[in-house]
Amino acid sequence: MYFNRFDITEAYYLFLGDYHEGQFSEKYERLCRMTKYFKPAPGLNYGNLSCNAQQIYNNLVAKEAYNDTVKAAMSANTMYYAHPKS
């Protein structure tokens, strides 16, 4: 993986479009801000990305999955660490 602004922008654009949590989420807000300076081709999809952009996208997806797993584990563990009533 190497630094290429166009690859980074395309990968983030697709990632944010695929993984935002709704119109009022941070990711959706960021996606909207990107449209001020990035106008993607109509057929932009994962298959059209360069190998570098696909790696960037895959890393973003893996990071998202990891964050979701950690959040789920933390919320599941809260019941184990609850203080007993005195």
PDB file of N, CA and C in Angstrom:
ATOM      1  N   MET A   1       0.850  -1.166   0.000  1.00  0.00           N
ATOM      2  CA  MET A   1       0.000   0.000   0.000  1.00  0.00           C
ATOM      3  C   MET A   1       0.896   1.229   0.000  1.00  0.00           C
ATOM      4  N   TYR A   2       0.521   2.216  -0.794  1.00  0.00           N
ATOM      5  CA  TYR A   2       1.305   3.438  -0.889  1.00  0.00           C
ATOM      6  C   TYR A   2       0.368   4.648  -0.872  1.00  0.00           C
ATOM      7  N   PHE A   3       0.942   5.808  -0.647  1.00  0.00           N
ATOM      8  CA  PHE A   3       0.169   7.037  -0.528  1.00  0.00           C
ATOM      9  C   PHE A   3      -0.216   7.547  -1.908  1.00  0.00           C
ATOM     10  N   ASN A   4      -1.510   7.641  -2.160  1.00  0.00           N
ATOM     11  CA  ASN A   4      -2.048   8.208  -3.382  1.00  0.00           C
ATOM     12  C   ASN A   4      -3.369   8.866  -3.002  1.00  0.00           C
ATOM     13  N   ARG A   5      -3.434  10.165  -3.101  1.00  0.00           N
ATOM     14  CA  ARG A   5      -4.626  10.897  -2.639  1.00  0.00           C
ATOM     15  C   ARG A   5      -5.902  10.452  -3.348  1.00  0.00           C
ATOM     16  N   PHE A   6      -5.804  10.173  -4.624  1.00  0.00           N
ATOM     17  CA  PHE A   6      -6.992   9.774  -5.364  1.00  0.00           C
ATOM     18  C   PHE A   6      -7.498   8.416  -4.864  1.00  0.00           C
ATOM     19  N   ASP A   7      -6.590   7.460  -4.655  1.00  0.00           N
ATOM     20  CA  ASP A   7      -6.973   6.150  -4.128  1.00  0.00           C
ATOM     21  C   ASP A   7      -7.614   6.274  -2.750  1.00  0.00           C
ATOM     22  N   ILE A   8      -7.025   7.104  -1.916  1.00  0.00           N
ATOM     23  CA  ILE A   8      -7.543   7.301  -0.553  1.00  0.00           C
ATOM     24  C   ILE A   8      -8.951   7.891  -0.618  1.00  0.00           C
ATOM     25  N   THR A   9      -9.131   8.889  -1.459  1.00  0.00           N
ATOM     26  CA  THR A   9     -10.433   9.546  -1.579  1.00  0.00           C
ATOM     27  C   THR A   9     -11.494   8.591  -2.105  1.00  0.00           C
ATOM     28  N   GLU A  10     -11.161   7.828  -3.135  1.00  0.00           N
ATOM     29  CA  GLU A  10     -12.129   6.862  -3.674  1.00  0.00           C
ATOM     30  C   GLU A  10     -12.494   5.799  -2.642  1.00  0.00           C
ATOM     31  N   ALA A  11     -11.486   5.275  -1.951  1.00  0.00           N
ATOM     32  CA  ALA A  11     -11.737   4.227  -0.956  1.00  0.00           C
ATOM     33  C   ALA A  11     -12.608   4.749   0.180  1.00  0.00           C
ATOM     34  N   TYR A  12     -12.302   5.925   0.682  1.00  0.00           N
ATOM     35  CA  TYR A  12     -13.108   6.505   1.762  1.00  0.00           C
ATOM     36  C   TYR A  12     -14.533   6.815   1.281  1.00  0.00           C
ATOM     37  N   TYR A  13     -14.671   7.308   0.073  1.00  0.00           N
ATOM     38  CA  TYR A  13     -15.998   7.624  -0.455  1.00  0.00           C
ATOM     39  C   TYR A  13     -16.868   6.368  -0.493  1.00  0.00           C
ATOM     40  N   LEU A  14     -16.316   5.287  -1.036  1.00  0.00           N
ATOM     41  CA  LEU A  14     -17.086   4.039  -1.092  1.00  0.00           C
ATOM     42  C   LEU A  14     -17.355   3.487   0.298  1.00  0.00           C
ATOM     43  N   PHE A  15     -16.351   3.517   1.153  1.00  0.00           N
ATOM     44  CA  PHE A  15     -16.522   3.010   2.520  1.00  0.00           C
ATOM     45  C   PHE A  15     -17.613   3.777   3.262  1.00  0.00           C
ATOM     46  N   LEU A  16     -17.552   5.085   3.210  1.00  0.00           N
ATOM     47  CA  LEU A  16     -18.539   5.899   3.920  1.00  0.00           C
ATOM     48  C   LEU A  16     -19.941   5.688   3.359  1.00  0.00           C
ATOM     49  N   GLY A  17     -20.041   5.508   2.054  1.00  0.00           N
ATOM     50  CA  GLY A  17     -21.335   5.235   1.452  1.00  0.00           C
ATOM     51  C   GLY A  17     -21.885   3.873   1.859  1.00  0.00           C
ATOM     52  N   ASP A  18     -20.997   2.899   2.002  1.00  0.00           N
ATOM     53  CA  ASP A  18     -21.415   1.535   2.355  1.00  0.00           C
ATOM     54  C   ASP A  18     -21.688   1.354   3.843  1.00  0.00           C
ATOM     55  N   TYR A  19     -20.993   2.096   4.698  1.00  0.00           N
ATOM     56  CA  TYR A  19     -21.027   1.807   6.128  1.00  0.00           C
ATOM     57  C   TYR A  19     -21.590   2.913   7.014  1.00  0.00           C
ATOM     58  N   HIS A  20     -22.169   3.960   6.436  1.00  0.00           N
ATOM     59  CA  HIS A  20     -22.752   4.990   7.315  1.00  0.00           C
ATOM     60  C   HIS A  20     -23.984   4.420   8.005  1.00  0.00           C
ATOM     61  N   GLU A  21     -24.309   4.973   9.170  1.00  0.00           N
ATOM     62  CA  GLU A  21     -25.398   4.450  10.014  1.00  0.00           C
ATOM     63  C   GLU A  21     -26.709   5.207   9.821  1.00  0.00           C
ATOM     64  N   GLY A  22     -26.800   6.008   8.804  1.00  0.00           N
ATOM     65  CA  GLY A  22     -28.018   6.774   8.568  1.00  0.00           C
ATOM     66  C   GLY A  22     -27.701   8.229   8.317  1.00  0.00           C
ATOM     67  N   GLN A  23     -28.726   8.965   7.975  1.00  0.00           N
ATOM     68  CA  GLN A  23     -28.559  10.336   7.534  1.00  0.00           C
ATOM     69  C   GLN A  23     -27.957  11.260   8.593  1.00  0.00           C
ATOM     70  N   PHE A  24     -28.096  10.946   9.851  1.00  0.00           N
ATOM     71  CA  PHE A  24     -27.587  11.833  10.893  1.00  0.00           C
ATOM     72  C   PHE A  24     -26.312  11.310  11.544  1.00  0.00           C
ATOM     73  N   SER A  25     -25.660  10.345  10.914  1.00  0.00           N
ATOM     74  CA  SER A  25     -24.438   9.766  11.474  1.00  0.00           C
ATOM     75  C   SER A  25     -23.217  10.586  11.058  1.00  0.00           C
ATOM     76  N   GLU A  26     -22.111  10.378  11.796  1.00  0.00           N
ATOM     77  CA  GLU A  26     -20.855  11.060  11.470  1.00  0.00           C
ATOM     78  C   GLU A  26     -20.351  10.677  10.086  1.00  0.00           C
ATOM     79  N   LYS A  27     -20.464   9.403   9.762  1.00  0.00           N
ATOM     80  CA  LYS A  27     -19.970   8.942   8.462  1.00  0.00           C
ATOM     81  C   LYS A  27     -20.759   9.572   7.314  1.00  0.00           C
ATOM     82  N   TYR A  28     -22.060   9.703   7.475  1.00  0.00           N
ATOM     83  CA  TYR A  28     -22.879  10.318   6.432  1.00  0.00           C
ATOM     84  C   TYR A  28     -22.517  11.796   6.281  1.00  0.00           C
ATOM     85  N   GLU A  29     -22.307  12.449   7.402  1.00  0.00           N
ATOM     86  CA  GLU A  29     -21.908  13.861   7.368  1.00  0.00           C
ATOM     87  C   GLU A  29     -20.582  14.022   6.632  1.00  0.00           C
ATOM     88  N   ARG A  30     -19.658  13.130   6.914  1.00  0.00           N
ATOM     89  CA  ARG A  30     -18.354  13.178   6.254  1.00  0.00           C
ATOM     90  C   ARG A  30     -18.484  12.904   4.755  1.00  0.00           C
ATOM     91  N   LEU A  31     -19.347  11.948   4.405  1.00  0.00           N
ATOM     92  CA  LEU A  31     -19.596  11.641   2.999  1.00  0.00           C
ATOM     93  C   LEU A  31     -20.141  12.870   2.273  1.00  0.00           C
ATOM     94  N   CYS A  32     -21.061  13.563   2.897  1.00  0.00           N
ATOM     95  CA  CYS A  32     -21.628  14.780   2.300  1.00  0.00           C
ATOM     96  C   CYS A  32     -20.570  15.858   2.121  1.00  0.00           C
ATOM     97  N   ARG A  33     -19.687  16.007   3.100  1.00  0.00           N
ATOM     98  CA  ARG A  33     -18.605  16.994   2.972  1.00  0.00           C
ATOM     99  C   ARG A  33     -17.680  16.646   1.812  1.00  0.00           C
ATOM    100  N   MET A  34     -17.458  15.339   1.601  1.00  0.00           N
ATOM    101  CA  MET A  34     -16.572  14.920   0.513  1.00  0.00           C
ATOM    102  C   MET A  34     -17.112  15.321  -0.850  1.00  0.00           C
ATOM    103  N   THR A  35     -18.423  15.364  -0.995  1.00  0.00           N
ATOM    104  CA  THR A  35     -19.006  15.680  -2.302  1.00  0.00           C
ATOM    105  C   THR A  35     -18.746  17.132  -2.719  1.00  0.00           C
ATOM    106  N   LYS A  36     -18.245  17.942  -1.793  1.00  0.00           N
ATOM    107  CA  LYS A  36     -17.897  19.315  -2.143  1.00  0.00           C
ATOM    108  C   LYS A  36     -16.631  19.370  -2.993  1.00  0.00           C
ATOM    109  N   TYR A  37     -15.743  18.375  -2.824  1.00  0.00           N
ATOM    110  CA  TYR A  37     -14.490  18.389  -3.576  1.00  0.00           C
ATOM    111  C   TYR A  37     -14.254  17.119  -4.393  1.00  0.00           C
ATOM    112  N   PHE A  38     -15.129  16.128  -4.278  1.00  0.00           N
ATOM    113  CA  PHE A  38     -14.949  14.880  -5.014  1.00  0.00           C
ATOM    114  C   PHE A  38     -16.242  14.507  -5.726  1.00  0.00           C
ATOM    115  N   LYS A  39     -16.165  14.401  -7.025  1.00  0.00           N
ATOM    116  CA  LYS A  39     -17.305  13.982  -7.850  1.00  0.00           C
ATOM    117  C   LYS A  39     -16.942  12.644  -8.483  1.00  0.00           C
ATOM    118  N   PRO A  40     -17.414  11.542  -7.895  1.00  0.00           N
ATOM    119  CA  PRO A  40     -17.020  10.228  -8.408  1.00  0.00           C
ATOM    120  C   PRO A  40     -17.659   9.922  -9.761  1.00  0.00           C
ATOM    121  N   ALA A  41     -17.021   9.031 -10.490  1.00  0.00           N
ATOM    122  CA  ALA A  41     -17.596   8.555 -11.749  1.00  0.00           C
ATOM    123  C   ALA A  41     -18.887   7.805 -11.429  1.00  0.00           C
ATOM    124  N   PRO A  42     -19.874   7.849 -12.311  1.00  0.00           N
ATOM    125  CA  PRO A  42     -21.151   7.181 -12.033  1.00  0.00           C
ATOM    126  C   PRO A  42     -21.013   5.686 -11.745  1.00  0.00           C
ATOM    127  N   GLY A  43     -20.057   5.021 -12.341  1.00  0.00           N
ATOM    128  CA  GLY A  43     -19.913   3.579 -12.158  1.00  0.00           C
ATOM    129  C   GLY A  43     -18.906   3.190 -11.089  1.00  0.00           C
ATOM    130  N   LEU A  44     -18.556   4.117 -10.205  1.00  0.00           N
ATOM    131  CA  LEU A  44     -17.547   3.808  -9.189  1.00  0.00           C
ATOM    132  C   LEU A  44     -18.042   2.705  -8.266  1.00  0.00           C
ATOM    133  N   ASN A  45     -17.264   1.643  -8.176  1.00  0.00           N
ATOM    134  CA  ASN A  45     -17.561   0.552  -7.244  1.00  0.00           C
ATOM    135  C   ASN A  45     -16.254  -0.134  -6.867  1.00  0.00           C
ATOM    136  N   TYR A  46     -16.348  -1.084  -5.968  1.00  0.00           N
ATOM    137  CA  TYR A  46     -15.145  -1.765  -5.460  1.00  0.00           C
ATOM    138  C   TYR A  46     -14.327  -2.379  -6.598  1.00  0.00           C
ATOM    139  N   GLY A  47     -14.991  -2.972  -7.569  1.00  0.00           N
ATOM    140  CA  GLY A  47     -14.290  -3.622  -8.677  1.00  0.00           C
ATOM    141  C   GLY A  47     -13.516  -2.660  -9.556  1.00  0.00           C
ATOM    142  N   ASN A  48     -13.914  -1.393  -9.557  1.00  0.00           N
ATOM    143  CA  ASN A  48     -13.227  -0.386 -10.374  1.00  0.00           C
ATOM    144  C   ASN A  48     -12.052   0.270  -9.652  1.00  0.00           C
ATOM    145  N   LEU A  49     -11.903  -0.001  -8.370  1.00  0.00           N
ATOM    146  CA  LEU A  49     -10.809   0.613  -7.610  1.00  0.00           C
ATOM    147  C   LEU A  49      -9.472   0.000  -8.011  1.00  0.00           C
ATOM    148  N   SER A  50      -8.422   0.789  -7.895  1.00  0.00           N
ATOM    149  CA  SER A  50      -7.075   0.246  -8.102  1.00  0.00           C
ATOM    150  C   SER A  50      -6.762  -0.721  -6.960  1.00  0.00           C
ATOM    151  N   CYS A  51      -5.731  -1.518  -7.127  1.00  0.00           N
ATOM    152  CA  CYS A  51      -5.341  -2.460  -6.064  1.00  0.00           C
ATOM    153  C   CYS A  51      -5.041  -1.729  -4.766  1.00  0.00           C
ATOM    154  N   ASN A  52      -4.382  -0.581  -4.873  1.00  0.00           N
ATOM    155  CA  ASN A  52      -4.059   0.209  -3.693  1.00  0.00           C
ATOM    156  C   ASN A  52      -5.324   0.706  -3.006  1.00  0.00           C
ATOM    157  N   ALA A  53      -6.274   1.229  -3.780  1.00  0.00           N
ATOM    158  CA  ALA A  53      -7.531   1.721  -3.215  1.00  0.00           C
ATOM    159  C   ALA A  53      -8.327   0.575  -2.593  1.00  0.00           C
ATOM    160  N   GLN A  54      -8.287  -0.613  -3.191  1.00  0.00           N
ATOM    161  CA  GLN A  54      -8.972  -1.771  -2.613  1.00  0.00           C
ATOM    162  C   GLN A  54      -8.362  -2.148  -1.266  1.00  0.00           C
ATOM    163  N   GLN A  55      -7.048  -2.065  -1.147  1.00  0.00           N
ATOM    164  CA  GLN A  55      -6.401  -2.349   0.137  1.00  0.00           C
ATOM    165  C   GLN A  55      -6.817  -1.331   1.191  1.00  0.00           C
ATOM    166  N   ILE A  56      -6.872  -0.073   0.801  1.00  0.00           N
ATOM    167  CA  ILE A  56      -7.295   0.978   1.732  1.00  0.00           C
ATOM    168  C   ILE A  56      -8.730   0.711   2.182  1.00  0.00           C
ATOM    169  N   TYR A  57      -9.613   0.406   1.238  1.00  0.00           N
ATOM    170  CA  TYR A  57     -11.009   0.095   1.550  1.00  0.00           C
ATOM    171  C   TYR A  57     -11.086  -1.107   2.491  1.00  0.00           C
ATOM    172  N   ASN A  58     -10.356  -2.164   2.181  1.00  0.00           N
ATOM    173  CA  ASN A  58     -10.367  -3.367   3.023  1.00  0.00           C
ATOM    174  C   ASN A  58      -9.885  -3.069   4.438  1.00  0.00           C
ATOM    175  N   ASN A  59      -8.879  -2.211   4.566  1.00  0.00           N
ATOM    176  CA  ASN A  59      -8.398  -1.821   5.898  1.00  0.00           C
ATOM    177  C   ASN A  59      -9.468  -1.043   6.663  1.00  0.00           C
ATOM    178  N   LEU A  60     -10.191  -0.180   5.975  1.00  0.00           N
ATOM    179  CA  LEU A  60     -11.277   0.564   6.623  1.00  0.00           C
ATOM    180  C   LEU A  60     -12.377  -0.376   7.085  1.00  0.00           C
ATOM    181  N   VAL A  61     -12.721  -1.365   6.258  1.00  0.00           N
ATOM    182  CA  VAL A  61     -13.748  -2.344   6.625  1.00  0.00           C
ATOM    183  C   VAL A  61     -13.289  -3.172   7.827  1.00  0.00           C
ATOM    184  N   ALA A  62     -12.034  -3.603   7.817  1.00  0.00           N
ATOM    185  CA  ALA A  62     -11.505  -4.394   8.937  1.00  0.00           C
ATOM    186  C   ALA A  62     -11.507  -3.577  10.225  1.00  0.00           C
ATOM    187  N   LYS A  63     -11.141  -2.309  10.124  1.00  0.00           N
ATOM    188  CA  LYS A  63     -11.146  -1.435  11.301  1.00  0.00           C
ATOM    189  C   LYS A  63     -12.566  -1.258  11.824  1.00  0.00           C
ATOM    190  N   GLU A  64     -13.534  -1.104  10.927  1.00  0.00           N
ATOM    191  CA  GLU A  64     -14.934  -0.962  11.316  1.00  0.00           C
ATOM    192  C   GLU A  64     -15.426  -2.225  12.021  1.00  0.00           C
ATOM    193  N   ALA A  65     -15.086  -3.389  11.476  1.00  0.00           N
ATOM    194  CA  ALA A  65     -15.500  -4.661  12.084  1.00  0.00           C
ATOM    195  C   ALA A  65     -14.874  -4.819  13.461  1.00  0.00           C
ATOM    196  N   TYR A  66     -13.608  -4.439  13.601  1.00  0.00           N
ATOM    197  CA  TYR A  66     -12.925  -4.520  14.893  1.00  0.00           C
ATOM    198  C   TYR A  66     -13.598  -3.602  15.905  1.00  0.00           C
ATOM    199  N   ASN A  67     -13.889  -2.373  15.497  1.00  0.00           N
ATOM    200  CA  ASN A  67     -14.537  -1.423  16.404  1.00  0.00           C
ATOM    201  C   ASN A  67     -15.905  -1.922  16.839  1.00  0.00           C
ATOM    202  N   ASP A  68     -16.665  -2.517  15.906  1.00  0.00           N
ATOM    203  CA  ASP A  68     -17.976  -3.068  16.258  1.00  0.00           C
ATOM    204  C   ASP A  68     -17.842  -4.220  17.241  1.00  0.00           C
ATOM    205  N   THR A  69     -16.823  -5.055  17.048  1.00  0.00           N
ATOM    206  CA  THR A  69     -16.595  -6.185  17.944  1.00  0.00           C
ATOM    207  C   THR A  69     -16.231  -5.709  19.342  1.00  0.00           C
ATOM    208  N   VAL A  70     -15.379  -4.710  19.421  1.00  0.00           N
ATOM    209  CA  VAL A  70     -14.964  -4.166  20.717  1.00  0.00           C
ATOM    210  C   VAL A  70     -16.163  -3.531  21.429  1.00  0.00           C
ATOM    211  N   LYS A  71     -16.967  -2.778  20.693  1.00  0.00           N
ATOM    212  CA  LYS A  71     -18.152  -2.152  21.301  1.00  0.00           C
ATOM    213  C   LYS A  71     -19.114  -3.208  21.826  1.00  0.00           C
ATOM    214  N   ALA A  72     -19.315  -4.271  21.052  1.00  0.00           N
ATOM    215  CA  ALA A  72     -20.216  -5.339  21.478  1.00  0.00           C
ATOM    216  C   ALA A  72     -19.664  -6.048  22.711  1.00  0.00           C
ATOM    217  N   ALA A  73     -18.373  -6.298  22.729  1.00  0.00           N
ATOM    218  CA  ALA A  73     -17.760  -6.967  23.875  1.00  0.00           C
ATOM    219  C   ALA A  73     -17.839  -6.091  25.122  1.00  0.00           C
ATOM    220  N   MET A  74     -17.621  -4.814  24.952  1.00  0.00           N
ATOM    221  CA  MET A  74     -17.686  -3.910  26.107  1.00  0.00           C
ATOM    222  C   MET A  74     -19.100  -3.826  26.656  1.00  0.00           C
ATOM    223  N   SER A  75     -20.086  -3.758  25.776  1.00  0.00           N
ATOM    224  CA  SER A  75     -21.460  -3.673  26.268  1.00  0.00           C
ATOM    225  C   SER A  75     -21.898  -4.994  26.894  1.00  0.00           C
ATOM    226  N   ALA A  76     -21.398  -6.110  26.393  1.00  0.00           N
ATOM    227  CA  ALA A  76     -21.729  -7.411  26.980  1.00  0.00           C
ATOM    228  C   ALA A  76     -21.056  -7.591  28.332  1.00  0.00           C
ATOM    229  N   ASN A  77     -19.858  -7.040  28.493  1.00  0.00           N
ATOM    230  CA  ASN A  77     -19.107  -7.194  29.738  1.00  0.00           C
ATOM    231  C   ASN A  77     -19.573  -6.251  30.839  1.00  0.00           C
ATOM    232  N   THR A  78     -20.359  -5.269  30.535  1.00  0.00           N
ATOM    233  CA  THR A  78     -20.791  -4.339  31.580  1.00  0.00           C
ATOM    234  C   THR A  78     -21.624  -5.049  32.632  1.00  0.00           C
ATOM    235  N   MET A  79     -22.363  -6.064  32.214  1.00  0.00           N
ATOM    236  CA  MET A  79     -23.174  -6.752  33.200  1.00  0.00           C
ATOM    237  C   MET A  79     -22.311  -7.594  34.170  1.00  0.00           C
ATOM    238  N   TYR A  80     -21.136  -8.002  33.721  1.00  0.00           N
ATOM    239  CA  TYR A  80     -20.256  -8.783  34.583  1.00  0.00           C
ATOM    240  C   TYR A  80     -19.522  -7.916  35.605  1.00  0.00           C
ATOM    241  N   TYR A  81     -19.358  -6.641  35.266  1.00  0.00           N
ATOM    242  CA  TYR A  81     -18.604  -5.759  36.142  1.00  0.00           C
ATOM    243  C   TYR A  81     -19.505  -4.840  36.959  1.00  0.00           C
ATOM    244  N   ALA A  82     -20.784  -5.083  36.947  1.00  0.00           N
ATOM    245  CA  ALA A  82     -21.709  -4.252  37.704  1.00  0.00           C
ATOM    246  C   ALA A  82     -21.443  -4.447  39.204  1.00  0.00           C
ATOM    247  N   HIS A  83     -21.487  -3.376  39.919  1.00  0.00           N
ATOM    248  CA  HIS A  83     -21.255  -3.437  41.361  1.00  0.00           C
ATOM    249  C   HIS A  83     -22.509  -3.983  42.063  1.00  0.00           C
ATOM    250  N   PRO A  84     -22.327  -4.879  43.000  1.00  0.00           N
ATOM    251  CA  PRO A  84     -23.491  -5.373  43.735  1.00  0.00           C
ATOM    252  C   PRO A  84     -24.078  -4.270  44.596  1.00  0.00           C
ATOM    253  N   LYS A  85     -25.352  -4.340  44.810  1.00  0.00           N
ATOM    254  CA  LYS A  85     -25.993  -3.333  45.653  1.00  0.00           C
ATOM    255  C   LYS A  85     -25.546  -3.526  47.093  1.00  0.00           C
ATOM    256  N   SER A  86     -25.325  -2.438  47.754  1.00  0.00           N
ATOM    257  CA  SER A  86     -24.854  -2.508  49.149  1.00  0.00           C
ATOM    258  C   SER A  86     -26.014  -2.598  50.097  1.00  0.00           C
TER     259      SER A  86
END
